[in-house]
C-alpha atoms as a PDB file:
ATOM      1  CA  MET A   1       5.279 -20.708 -44.072  1.00  0.00           C
ATOM      2  CA  SER A   2       9.020 -20.688 -43.347  1.00  0.00           C
ATOM      3  CA  LYS A   3      11.439 -22.596 -45.245  1.00  0.00           C
ATOM      4  CA  PRO A   4      13.540 -24.813 -43.974  1.00  0.00           C
ATOM      5  CA  PHE A   5      17.640 -24.806 -44.003  1.00  0.00           C
ATOM      6  CA  THR A   6      18.486 -26.346 -47.477  1.00  0.00           C
ATOM      7  CA  PHE A   7      21.789 -28.562 -47.453  1.00  0.00           C
ATOM      8  CA  HIS A   8      23.063 -28.467 -50.913  1.00  0.00           C
ATOM      9  CA  PHE A   9      26.024 -30.133 -50.394  1.00  0.00           C
ATOM     10  CA  SER A  10      26.476 -33.851 -48.833  1.00  0.00           C
ATOM     11  CA  HIS A  11      29.537 -36.260 -48.349  1.00  0.00           C
ATOM     12  CA  GLY A  12      29.990 -38.678 -51.139  1.00  0.00           C
ATOM     13  CA  GLU A  13      32.502 -41.860 -51.111  1.00  0.00           C
ATOM     14  CA  GLY A  14      36.021 -40.726 -49.315  1.00  0.00           C
ATOM     15  CA  ASP A  15      34.069 -37.528 -48.539  1.00  0.00           C
ATOM     16  CA  THR A  16      33.853 -36.153 -51.854  1.00  0.00           C
ATOM     17  CA  PRO A  17      31.749 -33.526 -52.323  1.00  0.00           C
ATOM     18  CA  ARG A  18      28.242 -33.780 -53.824  1.00  0.00           C
ATOM     19  CA  VAL A  19      25.530 -31.105 -54.666  1.00  0.00           C
ATOM     20  CA  MET A  20      22.306 -31.522 -54.859  1.00  0.00           C
ATOM     21  CA  MET A  21      19.560 -31.873 -57.606  1.00  0.00           C
ATOM     22  CA  ILE A  22      16.139 -32.450 -57.335  1.00  0.00           C
ATOM     23  CA  VAL A  23      14.802 -35.226 -60.243  1.00  0.00           C
ATOM     24  CA  ASP A  24      11.029 -35.422 -60.517  1.00  0.00           C
ATOM     25  CA  ILE A  25       9.513 -38.769 -62.735  1.00  0.00           C
ATOM     26  CA  GLN A  26       6.107 -38.952 -63.622  1.00  0.00           C
ATOM     27  CA  ALA A  27       5.450 -42.869 -64.290  1.00  0.00           C
ATOM     28  CA  GLU A  28       2.269 -44.408 -65.776  1.00  0.00           C
ATOM     29  CA  CYS A  29       1.616 -47.860 -63.892  1.00  0.00           C
ATOM     30  CA  SER A  30       1.894 -50.656 -66.889  1.00  0.00           C
ATOM     31  CA  VAL A  31      -1.254 -52.372 -65.450  1.00  0.00           C
ATOM     32  CA  CYS A  32      -3.899 -50.287 -64.012  1.00  0.00           C
ATOM     33  CA  ARG A  33      -2.465 -47.301 -65.336  1.00  0.00           C
ATOM     34  CA  TYR A  34      -2.299 -44.782 -62.310  1.00  0.00           C
ATOM     35  CA  THR A  35      -0.237 -41.768 -62.698  1.00  0.00           C
ATOM     36  CA  GLU A  36       2.022 -40.763 -60.090  1.00  0.00           C
ATOM     37  CA  ILE A  37       4.939 -38.869 -59.385  1.00  0.00           C
ATOM     38  CA  GLN A  38       8.326 -40.010 -57.377  1.00  0.00           C
ATOM     39  CA  ARG A  39      10.754 -37.228 -56.010  1.00  0.00           C
ATOM     40  CA  PHE A  40      14.184 -37.437 -55.437  1.00  0.00           C
ATOM     41  CA  TYR A  41      16.932 -35.550 -53.829  1.00  0.00           C
ATOM     42  CA  HIS A  42      20.099 -36.803 -55.448  1.00  0.00           C
ATOM     43  CA  GLY A  43      23.936 -35.684 -54.822  1.00  0.00           C
ATOM     44  CA  VAL A  44      25.952 -35.379 -57.576  1.00  0.00           C
ATOM     45  CA  ALA A  45      30.208 -34.928 -57.563  1.00  0.00           C
ATOM     46  CA  PHE A  46      30.313 -31.170 -56.807  1.00  0.00           C
ATOM     47  CA  HIS A  47      33.688 -30.380 -58.056  1.00  0.00           C
ATOM     48  CA  SER A  48      33.253 -32.546 -61.677  1.00  0.00           C
ATOM     49  CA  LEU A  49      29.949 -31.060 -62.349  1.00  0.00           C
ATOM     50  CA  GLY A  50      29.900 -28.774 -65.748  1.00  0.00           C
ATOM     51  CA  ILE A  51      27.290 -28.674 -68.319  1.00  0.00           C
ATOM     52  CA  PRO A  52      28.128 -32.033 -69.984  1.00  0.00           C
ATOM     53  CA  LYS A  53      27.912 -33.986 -66.932  1.00  0.00           C
ATOM     54  CA  PHE A  54      24.694 -32.240 -66.304  1.00  0.00           C
ATOM     55  CA  LYS A  55      23.406 -33.068 -69.325  1.00  0.00           C
ATOM     56  CA  ARG A  56      24.819 -37.004 -68.990  1.00  0.00           C
ATOM     57  CA  PHE A  57      23.023 -36.848 -65.365  1.00  0.00           C
ATOM     58  CA  VAL A  58      19.775 -35.626 -66.998  1.00  0.00           C
ATOM     59  CA  ASP A  59      20.108 -38.136 -70.016  1.00  0.00           C
ATOM     60  CA  GLY A  60      19.889 -41.019 -67.182  1.00  0.00           C
ATOM     61  CA  ALA A  61      17.572 -39.649 -64.413  1.00  0.00           C
ATOM     62  CA  PRO A  62      14.881 -41.757 -65.166  1.00  0.00           C
ATOM     63  CA  GLY A  63      16.582 -44.952 -64.183  1.00  0.00           C
ATOM     64  CA  LEU A  64      16.585 -43.651 -61.047  1.00  0.00           C
ATOM     65  CA  LEU A  65      13.012 -45.000 -60.755  1.00  0.00           C
ATOM     66  CA  ASN A  66      11.831 -47.399 -58.253  1.00  0.00           C
ATOM     67  CA  PHE A  67       9.006 -47.740 -56.193  1.00  0.00           C
ATOM     68  CA  ASN A  68       5.476 -50.160 -56.601  1.00  0.00           C
ATOM     69  CA  CYS A  69       2.340 -48.764 -57.598  1.00  0.00           C
ATOM     70  CA  THR A  70       0.176 -46.771 -55.061  1.00  0.00           C
ATOM     71  CA  ASN A  71      -2.911 -48.163 -56.938  1.00  0.00           C
ATOM     72  CA  CYS A  72      -2.307 -51.602 -57.696  1.00  0.00           C
ATOM     73  CA  GLY A  73       1.453 -52.411 -56.137  1.00  0.00           C
ATOM     74  CA  GLU A  74       3.018 -53.541 -59.329  1.00  0.00           C
ATOM     75  CA  PRO A  75       6.548 -52.486 -59.594  1.00  0.00           C
ATOM     76  CA  SER A  76       7.021 -48.882 -61.344  1.00  0.00           C
ATOM     77  CA  THR A  77      10.528 -49.415 -63.030  1.00  0.00           C
ATOM     78  CA  PRO A  78      12.329 -46.500 -65.595  1.00  0.00           C
ATOM     79  CA  ALA A  79      10.378 -47.962 -68.152  1.00  0.00           C
ATOM     80  CA  SER A  80       6.899 -46.490 -66.810  1.00  0.00           C
ATOM     81  CA  ALA A  81       8.300 -43.338 -66.998  1.00  0.00           C
ATOM     82  CA  ARG A  82       6.326 -40.680 -69.138  1.00  0.00           C
ATOM     83  CA  ARG A  83       7.934 -37.327 -68.107  1.00  0.00           C
ATOM     84  CA  GLY A  84      10.510 -35.986 -65.823  1.00  0.00           C
ATOM     85  CA  ALA A  85      12.893 -32.921 -64.973  1.00  0.00           C
ATOM     86  CA  VAL A  86      16.270 -32.197 -62.945  1.00  0.00           C
ATOM     87  CA  THR A  87      16.014 -28.852 -60.899  1.00  0.00           C
ATOM     88  CA  TYR A  88      19.774 -27.782 -60.355  1.00  0.00           C
ATOM     89  CA  GLY A  89      20.068 -24.467 -58.213  1.00  0.00           C
ATOM     90  CA  PHE A  90      23.764 -22.905 -57.848  1.00  0.00           C
ATOM     91  CA  ALA A  91      24.223 -23.094 -54.013  1.00  0.00           C
ATOM     92  CA  ASP A  92      25.488 -19.409 -54.315  1.00  0.00           C
ATOM     93  CA  GLY A  93      22.073 -18.450 -55.090  1.00  0.00           C
ATOM     94  CA  THR A  94      22.803 -17.273 -58.670  1.00  0.00           C
ATOM     95  CA  GLY A  95      19.888 -19.030 -60.443  1.00  0.00           C
ATOM     96  CA  ILE A  96      18.054 -22.393 -61.037  1.00  0.00           C
ATOM     97  CA  ILE A  97      18.254 -24.731 -64.026  1.00  0.00           C
ATOM     98  CA  GLN A  98      16.206 -27.258 -64.864  1.00  0.00           C
ATOM     99  CA  ALA A  99      15.727 -29.622 -67.799  1.00  0.00           C
ATOM    100  CA  HIS A 100      12.579 -31.018 -68.974  1.00  0.00           C
ATOM    101  CA  PHE A 101      11.624 -34.326 -70.863  1.00  0.00           C
ATOM    102  CA  ASN A 102       9.947 -36.766 -72.173  1.00  0.00           C
ATOM    103  CA  CYS A 103      10.836 -40.736 -71.336  1.00  0.00           C
ATOM    104  CA  GLN A 104      11.469 -43.465 -73.951  1.00  0.00           C
ATOM    105  CA  ASP A 105      12.610 -46.378 -72.520  1.00  0.00           C
ATOM    106  CA  GLY A 106      14.314 -45.494 -69.690  1.00  0.00           C
ATOM    107  CA  ARG A 107      15.693 -42.587 -71.269  1.00  0.00           C
ATOM    108  CA  ALA A 108      14.824 -38.739 -71.261  1.00  0.00           C
ATOM    109  CA  VAL A 109      14.028 -37.521 -74.709  1.00  0.00           C
ATOM    110  CA  ALA A 110      13.183 -34.460 -76.342  1.00  0.00           C
ATOM    111  CA  VAL A 111      15.378 -32.419 -73.556  1.00  0.00           C
ATOM    112  CA  ASP A 112      14.623 -28.800 -73.268  1.00  0.00           C
ATOM    113  CA  PHE A 113      16.302 -26.337 -70.682  1.00  0.00           C
ATOM    114  CA  THR A 114      14.517 -23.501 -68.532  1.00  0.00           C
ATOM    115  CA  LEU A 115      16.734 -20.667 -66.715  1.00  0.00           C
ATOM    116  CA  ASP A 116      15.817 -18.418 -63.483  1.00  0.00           C
ATOM    117  CA  GLY A 117      18.726 -15.867 -63.023  1.00  0.00           C
ATOM    118  CA  GLY A 118      18.763 -14.752 -59.021  1.00  0.00           C
ATOM    119  CA  ARG A 119      16.447 -17.547 -57.741  1.00  0.00           C
ATOM    120  CA  ARG A 120      16.869 -20.009 -55.333  1.00  0.00           C
ATOM    121  CA  LEU A 121      16.713 -23.470 -54.642  1.00  0.00           C
ATOM    122  CA  ASP A 122      13.682 -24.463 -53.104  1.00  0.00           C
ATOM    123  CA  PRO A 123      12.863 -28.159 -51.923  1.00  0.00           C
ATOM    124  CA  GLN A 124       9.841 -28.195 -51.142  1.00  0.00           C
ATOM    125  CA  SER A 125       8.703 -26.633 -54.514  1.00  0.00           C
ATOM    126  CA  LEU A 126       6.167 -28.708 -56.637  1.00  0.00           C
ATOM    127  CA  PRO A 127       7.174 -30.689 -59.912  1.00  0.00           C
ATOM    128  CA  PRO A 128       7.968 -27.759 -62.282  1.00  0.00           C
ATOM    129  CA  TRP A 129       5.116 -29.106 -64.889  1.00  0.00           C
ATOM    130  CA  SER A 130       2.613 -27.969 -62.325  1.00  0.00           C
ATOM    131  CA  VAL A 131       4.207 -24.386 -61.818  1.00  0.00           C
ATOM    132  CA  ARG A 132       3.234 -21.461 -63.768  1.00  0.00           C
ATOM    133  CA  GLU A 133       2.031 -23.926 -66.196  1.00  0.00           C
ATOM    134  CA  PRO A 134       2.382 -23.496 -69.670  1.00  0.00           C
ATOM    135  CA  ARG A 135       5.286 -21.873 -69.733  1.00  0.00           C
ATOM    136  CA  PRO A 136       5.468 -19.659 -72.957  1.00  0.00           C
ATOM    137  CA  ARG A 137       8.018 -21.810 -74.818  1.00  0.00           C
ATOM    138  CA  GLU A 138       9.866 -19.232 -75.282  1.00  0.00           C
ATOM    139  CA  ASP A 139      11.029 -19.652 -71.792  1.00  0.00           C
ATOM    140  CA  HIS A 140      12.722 -22.748 -73.197  1.00  0.00           C
ATOM    141  CA  ARG A 141      15.669 -23.573 -75.062  1.00  0.00           C
ATOM    142  CA  PRO A 142      17.220 -26.972 -76.648  1.00  0.00           C
ATOM    143  CA  SER A 143      20.406 -26.295 -75.581  1.00  0.00           C
ATOM    144  CA  LEU A 144      22.055 -25.446 -72.634  1.00  0.00           C
ATOM    145  CA  THR A 145      25.481 -23.386 -72.972  1.00  0.00           C
ATOM    146  CA  GLU A 146      27.554 -21.470 -70.680  1.00  0.00           C
ATOM    147  CA  ASP A 147      27.007 -18.504 -72.872  1.00  0.00           C
ATOM    148  CA  GLU A 148      23.506 -18.544 -71.686  1.00  0.00           C
ATOM    149  CA  VAL A 149      23.908 -19.598 -68.396  1.00  0.00           C
ATOM    150  CA  PHE A 150      26.283 -16.474 -67.908  1.00  0.00           C
ATOM    151  CA  ALA A 151      23.534 -14.033 -69.645  1.00  0.00           C
ATOM    152  CA  THR A 152      20.968 -15.126 -67.077  1.00  0.00           C
ATOM    153  CA  CYS A 153      22.665 -15.865 -64.047  1.00  0.00           C
ATOM    154  CA  GLY A 154      25.697 -13.738 -64.299  1.00  0.00           C
ATOM    155  CA  ARG A 155      28.343 -16.947 -63.441  1.00  0.00           C
ATOM    156  CA  ALA A 156      30.115 -19.447 -65.661  1.00  0.00           C
ATOM    157  CA  PHE A 157      27.954 -22.836 -64.587  1.00  0.00           C
ATOM    158  CA  HIS A 158      31.899 -24.161 -64.109  1.00  0.00           C
ATOM    159  CA  LEU A 159      34.796 -22.213 -63.047  1.00  0.00           C
ATOM    160  CA  LYS A 160      37.097 -24.734 -63.796  1.00  0.00           C
ATOM    161  CA  GLY A 161      36.381 -25.184 -67.121  1.00  0.00           C
ATOM    162  CA  LEU A 162      37.157 -20.907 -67.861  1.00  0.00           C
ATOM    163  CA  TRP A 163      40.374 -21.532 -66.111  1.00  0.00           C
ATOM    164  CA  ARG A 164      41.322 -24.267 -68.524  1.00  0.00           C
ATOM    165  CA  SER A 165      39.916 -22.646 -71.196  1.00  0.00           C
ATOM    166  CA  LEU A 166      42.171 -19.274 -70.389  1.00  0.00           C
ATOM    167  CA  LEU A 167      45.232 -21.174 -69.358  1.00  0.00           C
ATOM    168  CA  ASP A 168      45.257 -23.172 -72.818  1.00  0.00           C
ATOM    169  CA  GLU A 169      44.389 -19.902 -74.784  1.00  0.00           C
ATOM    170  CA  HIS A 170      47.468 -18.156 -72.963  1.00  0.00           C
ATOM    171  CA  LEU A 171      49.815 -21.168 -73.257  1.00  0.00           C
ATOM    172  CA  GLU A 172      48.922 -20.970 -76.948  1.00  0.00           C
ATOM    173  CA  THR A 173      48.683 -17.590 -77.665  1.00  0.00           C
ATOM    174  CA  GLY A 174      51.212 -15.588 -74.970  1.00  0.00           C
ATOM    175  CA  GLN A 175      48.202 -13.177 -74.667  1.00  0.00           C
ATOM    176  CA  ALA A 176      47.370 -11.969 -71.240  1.00  0.00           C
ATOM    177  CA  LEU A 177      43.627 -12.503 -70.963  1.00  0.00           C
ATOM    178  CA  PHE A 178      41.167 -11.436 -68.009  1.00  0.00           C
ATOM    179  CA  GLU A 179      37.921 -12.571 -67.636  1.00  0.00           C
ATOM    180  CA  GLN A 180      34.606 -12.607 -65.101  1.00  0.00           C
ATOM    181  CA  ALA A 181      33.963 -15.930 -63.681  1.00  0.00           C
ATOM    182  CA  ALA A 182      30.901 -15.173 -61.126  1.00  0.00           C
ATOM    183  CA  PRO A 183      29.487 -11.861 -59.487  1.00  0.00           C
ATOM    184  CA  GLY A 184      32.580 -10.285 -57.703  1.00  0.00           C
ATOM    185  CA  CYS A 185      34.818 -12.865 -59.345  1.00  0.00           C
ATOM    186  CA  TRP A 186      36.927 -12.273 -62.115  1.00  0.00           C
ATOM    187  CA  PHE A 187      40.209 -14.012 -63.751  1.00  0.00           C
ATOM    188  CA  GLY A 188      43.546 -13.471 -64.822  1.00  0.00           C
ATOM    189  CA  VAL A 189      46.148 -15.358 -66.824  1.00  0.00           C
ATOM    190  CA  GLY A 190      49.511 -13.341 -68.216  1.00  0.00           C
ATOM    191  CA  ALA A 191      53.218 -14.343 -67.779  1.00  0.00           C
ATOM    192  CA  ASP A 192      53.140 -12.411 -65.092  1.00  0.00           C
ATOM    193  CA  GLU A 193      51.090  -9.608 -62.562  1.00  0.00           C
ATOM    194  CA  GLU A 194      52.246  -6.796 -64.370  1.00  0.00           C
ATOM    195  CA  GLU A 195      51.347  -7.941 -67.441  1.00  0.00           C
ATOM    196  CA  ILE A 196      48.201  -8.570 -66.322  1.00  0.00           C
ATOM    197  CA  GLU A 197      48.038  -5.001 -65.010  1.00  0.00           C
ATOM    198  CA  ALA A 198      48.670  -3.457 -67.893  1.00  0.00           C
ATOM    199  CA  LEU A 199      45.751  -5.500 -69.665  1.00  0.00           C
ATOM    200  CA  LEU A 200      43.810  -3.636 -66.918  1.00  0.00           C
ATOM    201  CA  ALA A 201      44.392  -0.753 -67.594  1.00  0.00           C
ATOM    202  CA  ASP A 202      43.424  -0.993 -71.400  1.00  0.00           C
ATOM    203  CA  ILE A 203      40.112  -2.938 -71.484  1.00  0.00           C
ATOM    204  CA  ASP A 204      36.780  -1.557 -69.776  1.00  0.00           C
ATOM    205  CA  LEU A 205      35.292  -3.441 -67.076  1.00  0.00           C
ATOM    206  CA  PRO A 206      32.863  -0.760 -65.393  1.00  0.00           C
ATOM    207  CA  ASP A 207      31.927  -3.697 -62.939  1.00  0.00           C
ATOM    208  CA  PHE A 208      35.420  -4.971 -62.084  1.00  0.00           C
ATOM    209  CA  LYS A 209      36.923  -0.925 -61.702  1.00  0.00           C
ATOM    210  CA  ALA A 210      34.067   0.227 -59.480  1.00  0.00           C
ATOM    211  CA  ALA A 211      34.384  -2.795 -57.271  1.00  0.00           C
ATOM    212  CA  SER A 212      38.220  -2.202 -57.244  1.00  0.00           C
ATOM    213  CA  GLU A 213      37.607   1.673 -56.293  1.00  0.00           C
ATOM    214  CA  ARG A 214      35.373   0.784 -53.606  1.00  0.00           C
ATOM    215  CA  GLY A 215      38.128  -1.468 -52.420  1.00  0.00           C
ATOM    216  CA  GLU A 216      36.326  -4.744 -52.272  1.00  0.00           C
ATOM    217  CA  LEU A 217      38.423  -7.079 -53.973  1.00  0.00           C
ATOM    218  CA  VAL A 218      41.317  -8.931 -53.154  1.00  0.00           C
ATOM    219  CA  LEU A 219      43.594 -10.572 -54.727  1.00  0.00           C
ATOM    220  CA  LEU A 220      44.465 -14.316 -54.612  1.00  0.00           C
ATOM    221  CA  ALA A 221      46.265 -16.422 -56.674  1.00  0.00           C
ATOM    222  CA  LEU A 222      44.814 -19.951 -58.049  1.00  0.00           C
ATOM    223  CA  MET A 223      47.883 -22.002 -56.493  1.00  0.00           C
ATOM    224  CA  GLU A 224      47.708 -20.937 -52.825  1.00  0.00           C
ATOM    225  CA  ARG A 225      45.586 -23.292 -50.567  1.00  0.00           C
ATOM    226  CA  PRO A 226      43.471 -21.985 -47.878  1.00  0.00           C
ATOM    227  CA  GLU A 227      44.749 -23.101 -44.482  1.00  0.00           C
ATOM    228  CA  GLY A 228      42.680 -22.579 -40.554  1.00  0.00           C
ATOM    229  CA  LEU A 229      39.616 -23.555 -42.161  1.00  0.00           C
ATOM    230  CA  PRO A 230      37.076 -25.481 -39.764  1.00  0.00           C
ATOM    231  CA  GLY A 231      36.269 -28.837 -41.325  1.00  0.00           C
ATOM    232  CA  PHE A 232      39.524 -28.890 -43.493  1.00  0.00           C
ATOM    233  CA  ASP A 233      42.979 -30.701 -42.117  1.00  0.00           C
ATOM    234  CA  ASP A 234      45.758 -28.516 -43.115  1.00  0.00           C
ATOM    235  CA  THR A 235      47.369 -31.580 -43.553  1.00  0.00           C
ATOM    236  CA  ALA A 236      45.014 -33.559 -45.724  1.00  0.00           C
ATOM    237  CA  PRO A 237      44.356 -32.956 -49.485  1.00  0.00           C
ATOM    238  CA  ILE A 238      41.750 -30.868 -50.404  1.00  0.00           C
ATOM    239  CA  HIS A 239      39.020 -31.750 -52.602  1.00  0.00           C
ATOM    240  CA  GLY A 240      38.866 -28.914 -55.818  1.00  0.00           C
ATOM    241  CA  ASP A 241      42.806 -29.021 -55.774  1.00  0.00           C
ATOM    242  CA  PRO A 242      43.561 -27.462 -58.595  1.00  0.00           C
ATOM    243  CA  ALA A 243      45.828 -30.419 -59.267  1.00  0.00           C
ATOM    244  CA  SER A 244      42.330 -32.851 -59.607  1.00  0.00           C
ATOM    245  CA  TRP A 245      41.578 -30.607 -62.721  1.00  0.00           C
ATOM    246  CA  LEU A 246      43.937 -28.519 -64.233  1.00  0.00           C
ATOM    247  CA  GLN A 247      45.505 -29.400 -67.472  1.00  0.00           C
ATOM    248  CA  PRO A 248      49.245 -30.857 -66.819  1.00  0.00           C
ATOM    249  CA  GLN A 249      51.034 -28.393 -68.960  1.00  0.00           C
ATOM    250  CA  ALA A 250      49.191 -25.580 -67.353  1.00  0.00           C
ATOM    251  CA  ILE A 251      50.090 -26.951 -63.900  1.00  0.00           C
ATOM    252  CA  GLU A 252      53.627 -26.812 -64.934  1.00  0.00           C
ATOM    253  CA  ALA A 253      53.580 -23.545 -66.179  1.00  0.00           C
ATOM    254  CA  LEU A 254      52.169 -22.336 -63.120  1.00  0.00           C
ATOM    255  CA  ARG A 255      54.860 -24.022 -60.581  1.00  0.00           C
ATOM    256  CA  GLU A 256      57.919 -22.811 -62.607  1.00  0.00           C
ATOM    257  CA  GLY A 257      56.373 -19.456 -62.671  1.00  0.00           C
ATOM    258  CA  ARG A 258      56.244 -19.391 -66.513  1.00  0.00           C
ATOM    259  CA  CYS A 259      52.812 -17.681 -65.915  1.00  0.00           C
ATOM    260  CA  VAL A 260      50.696 -16.666 -63.081  1.00  0.00           C
ATOM    261  CA  ALA A 261      46.738 -17.062 -62.482  1.00  0.00           C
ATOM    262  CA  GLU A 262      45.252 -15.026 -60.225  1.00  0.00           C
ATOM    263  CA  ILE A 263      41.607 -14.186 -58.660  1.00  0.00           C
ATOM    264  CA  HIS A 264      40.163 -10.753 -58.324  1.00  0.00           C
ATOM    265  CA  LEU A 265      37.706 -11.914 -55.715  1.00  0.00           C
ATOM    266  CA  ASP A 266      34.849  -9.918 -53.310  1.00  0.00           C
ATOM    267  CA  PRO A 267      34.896 -11.467 -50.471  1.00  0.00           C
ATOM    268  CA  THR A 268      32.199 -10.263 -48.900  1.00  0.00           C
ATOM    269  CA  LEU A 269      29.916 -12.242 -51.062  1.00  0.00           C
ATOM    270  CA  ALA A 270      31.251 -15.138 -48.840  1.00  0.00           C
ATOM    271  CA  LEU A 271      30.591 -14.065 -46.032  1.00  0.00           C
ATOM    272  CA  ASP A 272      26.746 -12.866 -46.480  1.00  0.00           C
ATOM    273  CA  ALA A 273      26.350 -16.271 -47.676  1.00  0.00           C
ATOM    274  CA  MET A 274      27.655 -17.621 -44.483  1.00  0.00           C
ATOM    275  CA  THR A 275      25.922 -15.398 -42.587  1.00  0.00           C
ATOM    276  CA  SER A 276      22.277 -15.394 -44.510  1.00  0.00           C
ATOM    277  CA  ALA A 277      22.736 -19.500 -43.741  1.00  0.00           C
ATOM    278  CA  LEU A 278      23.690 -19.138 -40.262  1.00  0.00           C
ATOM    279  CA  LYS A 279      20.304 -16.831 -39.628  1.00  0.00           C
ATOM    280  CA  ARG A 280      18.081 -19.238 -42.278  1.00  0.00           C
ATOM    281  CA  ALA A 281      19.654 -22.413 -40.102  1.00  0.00           C
ATOM    282  CA  ARG A 282      18.668 -19.900 -36.500  1.00  0.00           C
ATOM    283  CA  LEU A 283      21.987 -19.959 -35.497  1.00  0.00           C
ATOM    284  CA  GLU A 284      23.435 -17.399 -33.568  1.00  0.00           C
ATOM    285  CA  PHE A 285      26.857 -15.401 -34.319  1.00  0.00           C
ATOM    286  CA  VAL A 286      28.762 -12.990 -34.062  1.00  0.00           C
ATOM    287  CA  VAL A 287      31.226 -11.015 -37.038  1.00  0.00           C
ATOM    288  CA  ASN A 288      34.159  -9.283 -35.762  1.00  0.00           C
ATOM    289  CA  ASP A 289      36.500  -7.032 -37.809  1.00  0.00           C
ATOM    290  CA  THR A 290      39.606  -6.323 -36.783  1.00  0.00           C
ATOM    291  CA  GLY A 291      40.143  -4.046 -39.758  1.00  0.00           C
ATOM    292  CA  ALA A 292      43.099  -6.645 -40.699  1.00  0.00           C
ATOM    293  CA  GLU A 293      40.587  -9.470 -40.501  1.00  0.00           C
ATOM    294  CA  ILE A 294      36.972 -10.427 -40.263  1.00  0.00           C
ATOM    295  CA  PHE A 295      36.104 -13.517 -38.724  1.00  0.00           C
ATOM    296  CA  LEU A 296      32.693 -15.279 -37.318  1.00  0.00           C
ATOM    297  CA  ALA A 297      32.679 -16.554 -34.464  1.00  0.00           C
ATOM    298  CA  GLN A 298      30.337 -17.662 -31.352  1.00  0.00           C
ATOM    299  CA  ILE A 299      28.568 -19.831 -33.389  1.00  0.00           C
ATOM    300  CA  THR A 300      25.485 -21.014 -31.262  1.00  0.00           C
ATOM    301  CA  THR A 301      22.597 -23.250 -31.990  1.00  0.00           C
ATOM    302  CA  PRO A 302      19.249 -22.242 -29.762  1.00  0.00           C
ATOM    303  CA  ARG A 303      20.261 -25.299 -27.376  1.00  0.00           C
ATOM    304  CA  GLY A 304      23.362 -23.551 -26.639  1.00  0.00           C
ATOM    305  CA  ALA A 305      25.846 -25.806 -28.700  1.00  0.00           C
ATOM    306  CA  LEU A 306      28.585 -23.820 -29.331  1.00  0.00           C
ATOM    307  CA  PHE A 307      30.703 -24.495 -32.523  1.00  0.00           C
ATOM    308  CA  GLU A 308      34.307 -23.373 -30.761  1.00  0.00           C
ATOM    309  CA  HIS A 309      36.440 -22.550 -33.594  1.00  0.00           C
ATOM    310  CA  GLU A 310      36.717 -18.813 -35.606  1.00  0.00           C
ATOM    311  CA  VAL A 311      35.812 -19.124 -39.229  1.00  0.00           C
ATOM    312  CA  ARG A 312      38.239 -16.740 -40.820  1.00  0.00           C
ATOM    313  CA  LEU A 313      36.740 -14.788 -44.146  1.00  0.00           C
ATOM    314  CA  SER A 314      40.365 -14.602 -45.939  1.00  0.00           C
ATOM    315  CA  SER A 315      40.246 -18.475 -45.771  1.00  0.00           C
ATOM    316  CA  VAL A 316      36.961 -18.671 -47.122  1.00  0.00           C
ATOM    317  CA  ALA A 317      38.136 -16.336 -49.845  1.00  0.00           C
ATOM    318  CA  GLN A 318      41.107 -18.295 -50.178  1.00  0.00           C
ATOM    319  CA  LEU A 319      38.851 -21.827 -50.133  1.00  0.00           C
ATOM    320  CA  ALA A 320      36.750 -20.412 -53.278  1.00  0.00           C
ATOM    321  CA  ALA A 321      40.174 -19.161 -55.548  1.00  0.00           C
ATOM    322  CA  PHE A 322      41.735 -22.563 -55.148  1.00  0.00           C
ATOM    323  CA  THR A 323      39.010 -24.613 -55.462  1.00  0.00           C
ATOM    324  CA  ALA A 324      37.325 -22.791 -58.341  1.00  0.00           C
ATOM    325  CA  ILE A 325      33.939 -21.708 -56.871  1.00  0.00           C
ATOM    326  CA  THR A 326      32.402 -19.057 -56.226  1.00  0.00           C
ATOM    327  CA  PRO A 327      32.432 -16.823 -52.987  1.00  0.00           C
ATOM    328  CA  GLY A 328      29.020 -17.578 -52.477  1.00  0.00           C
ATOM    329  CA  GLU A 329      29.217 -21.449 -52.908  1.00  0.00           C
ATOM    330  CA  ALA A 330      32.376 -21.386 -50.608  1.00  0.00           C
ATOM    331  CA  GLY A 331      30.562 -19.532 -47.913  1.00  0.00           C
ATOM    332  CA  ARG A 332      27.911 -21.605 -48.347  1.00  0.00           C
ATOM    333  CA  GLN A 333      30.030 -25.075 -48.174  1.00  0.00           C
ATOM    334  CA  VAL A 334      31.591 -24.169 -44.904  1.00  0.00           C
ATOM    335  CA  ILE A 335      28.190 -22.893 -43.063  1.00  0.00           C
ATOM    336  CA  GLU A 336      26.923 -26.348 -44.109  1.00  0.00           C
ATOM    337  CA  GLU A 337      29.725 -28.148 -42.628  1.00  0.00           C
ATOM    338  CA  ILE A 338      29.360 -26.509 -39.688  1.00  0.00           C
ATOM    339  CA  VAL A 339      25.796 -26.397 -39.674  1.00  0.00           C
ATOM    340  CA  ALA A 340      25.226 -30.264 -39.961  1.00  0.00           C
ATOM    341  CA  GLU A 341      28.338 -30.595 -36.821  1.00  0.00           C
ATOM    342  CA  LEU A 342      26.041 -28.563 -34.565  1.00  0.00           C
ATOM    343  CA  LEU A 343      22.675 -30.369 -34.938  1.00  0.00           C
ATOM    344  CA  GLY A 344      24.679 -34.124 -35.238  1.00  0.00           C
ATOM    345  CA  ILE A 345      22.997 -34.441 -38.726  1.00  0.00           C
ATOM    346  CA  ASP A 346      25.045 -36.608 -41.018  1.00  0.00           C
ATOM    347  CA  VAL A 347      25.192 -35.381 -44.543  1.00  0.00           C
END
């Protein structure tokens, strides 16, 4: 069975980008003891979603429960919840994180987590306790940390948190720092570009050096705003602007030139995310490579509706750098906006 196009992103209040969580809650009717499951496709604010916020969402997930028992019609409330799960899939396809829990007094208790690197979110999947059960206990863990996410999925859960950590350490110690944030994405901070280059000459980063030698990486500045993106007004604020999540002392230091924050990024990962999403949505398109720039053009629905703008890959890459998301997430976000517009879908 073919899988449908999945919208990871939607719009919240003020057009704030939201990202989807799949919530499954199993409830037992307090009157007839009939057991059934309610599923929610719930959007949470994307740019502020770190591990602490994810855990808080899990803790309160049983509170979403609200339906009438299929058997007797009695209302099922959060107090009826017995167990549940929250599934979050990174929009760039680097992995899935699931929280599993029992429910008590309308709250999640005894929470543990499983991580699956390289898996994509499937909105048609069965509740996780119905798949591959029983999972080996060693797959479950009582904690969820950035180190565990990186070890399994090859990326930070929240790239903005990594930036804050690097800039805090640099401003405190004065040392240049360089760290991988995600596949094809490395962050560097130092007093100037020369200091970061000197650090790179002294440290052993095989993946980074291999990508650099193949000519796959572009060098981007954290504070450089993207321009010319379809669906983004060049004069309006961009959700995820560093000014909204960086600590004030870091913003001041960057603006005054007392330090630099740069991103070495592989834009082909954004291109791969965009083309694969368009194919899944069954849209036609053309990739134009001028040598100096790559464009996506002539994006067309099966019924002939044409997206009239070109999508410049360099702008998508800068969106990833500016808002501290992965190249794949930036590509997916841009394409989902285009797909929604062409298909007349309000997300």
